[in-house]
């Protein structure tokens, strides 16, 4: 049985590579009266979607951790195919 990364597995299941949407999070942030956020994320799409929804991102700080043998391929997929901001693996 072939082993697919998360990107290809989603496509094979008929989904987009990443179907996460952040409009509800943006609405919650705005409903709380928060005007600006400092975001902890490696995901450039999250930043883009929140900004497009009217959330001002003052800074984006990547979350870095040492890759283990068990999660290296997953993290490489996130970096290489989803364009997440992962520097050290």
Protein backbone atom coordinates (compact mmCIF):
# COMPACT_ATOMS: atom_id res chain seq x y z
CA UNK A 1 0.00 0.00 0.00
CA UNK A 2 1.48 3.39 -0.98
CA UNK A 3 2.13 5.95 1.71
CA UNK A 4 0.90 9.45 0.84
CA UNK A 5 1.77 12.71 2.51
CA UNK A 6 -1.03 14.92 3.83
CA UNK A 7 -1.08 17.03 0.66
CA UNK A 8 -1.55 14.08 -1.72
CA UNK A 9 -3.87 12.23 0.66
CA UNK A 10 -6.25 15.20 0.72
CA UNK A 11 -6.23 15.38 -3.09
CA UNK A 12 -6.85 11.64 -3.41
CA UNK A 13 -9.84 12.00 -1.08
CA UNK A 14 -11.27 14.75 -3.29
CA UNK A 15 -10.35 17.64 -1.03
CA UNK A 16 -8.17 20.69 -1.57
CA UNK A 17 -4.68 20.29 -0.09
CA UNK A 18 -5.73 22.44 2.88
CA UNK A 19 -9.37 23.34 3.42
CA UNK A 20 -8.93 25.17 6.70
CA UNK A 21 -10.69 28.53 6.82
CA UNK A 22 -10.10 31.25 9.39
CA UNK A 23 -13.17 33.45 8.85
CA UNK A 24 -14.77 32.29 12.11
CA UNK A 25 -11.55 33.04 14.02
CA UNK A 26 -11.39 36.48 12.40
CA UNK A 27 -15.00 37.18 13.39
CA UNK A 28 -14.32 36.13 16.98
CA UNK A 29 -11.25 38.37 17.16
CA UNK A 30 -13.22 41.33 15.83
CA UNK A 31 -16.26 40.58 18.03
CA UNK A 32 -13.95 40.72 21.06
CA UNK A 33 -12.90 44.21 19.99
CA UNK A 34 -9.32 43.20 19.31
CA UNK A 35 -7.80 45.48 16.67
CA UNK A 36 -4.35 43.93 16.28
CA UNK A 37 -2.82 40.54 16.94
CA UNK A 38 0.63 39.08 17.21
CA UNK A 39 0.22 35.67 15.61
CA UNK A 40 2.10 32.48 16.50
CA UNK A 41 2.04 30.39 13.32
CA UNK A 42 4.12 28.81 10.58
CA UNK A 43 1.23 28.99 8.13
CA UNK A 44 1.37 31.87 5.61
CA UNK A 45 -2.17 31.06 4.43
CA UNK A 46 -3.49 31.68 7.95
CA UNK A 47 -1.84 35.10 7.96
CA UNK A 48 -3.25 35.91 4.52
CA UNK A 49 -6.80 34.81 5.35
CA UNK A 50 -6.88 36.70 8.65
CA UNK A 51 -5.56 39.87 7.03
CA UNK A 52 -8.08 39.56 4.19
CA UNK A 53 -10.81 39.27 6.85
CA UNK A 54 -9.71 42.57 8.38
CA UNK A 55 -7.50 41.40 11.24
CA UNK A 56 -4.32 43.46 11.51
CA UNK A 57 -1.33 41.17 12.09
CA UNK A 58 1.38 43.22 13.80
CA UNK A 59 3.86 40.37 13.88
CA UNK A 60 4.03 36.71 12.98
CA UNK A 61 6.28 34.48 15.03
CA UNK A 62 7.06 30.98 13.76
CA UNK A 63 6.84 28.01 16.07
CA UNK A 64 10.08 26.07 15.90
CA UNK A 65 10.75 22.66 17.31
CA UNK A 66 13.24 19.92 16.69
CA UNK A 67 11.96 17.33 14.26
CA UNK A 68 11.87 13.76 15.41
CA UNK A 69 12.24 10.72 13.19
CA UNK A 70 8.47 10.20 13.49
CA UNK A 71 7.43 13.67 12.35
CA UNK A 72 10.23 14.69 9.95
CA UNK A 73 8.38 13.70 6.75
CA UNK A 74 5.18 15.43 7.92
CA UNK A 75 7.08 18.64 8.72
CA UNK A 76 8.97 18.48 5.41
CA UNK A 77 5.62 18.23 3.62
CA UNK A 78 4.34 21.24 5.55
CA UNK A 79 7.46 23.21 4.57
CA UNK A 80 7.87 22.06 0.98
CA UNK A 81 4.30 21.60 -0.23
CA UNK A 82 2.20 23.83 2.02
CA UNK A 83 4.93 26.52 2.16
CA UNK A 84 4.88 26.72 5.95
CA UNK A 85 7.70 28.76 7.43
CA UNK A 86 9.80 25.96 8.89
CA UNK A 87 13.51 26.66 8.89
CA UNK A 88 15.23 23.98 10.90
CA UNK A 89 14.26 20.36 10.57
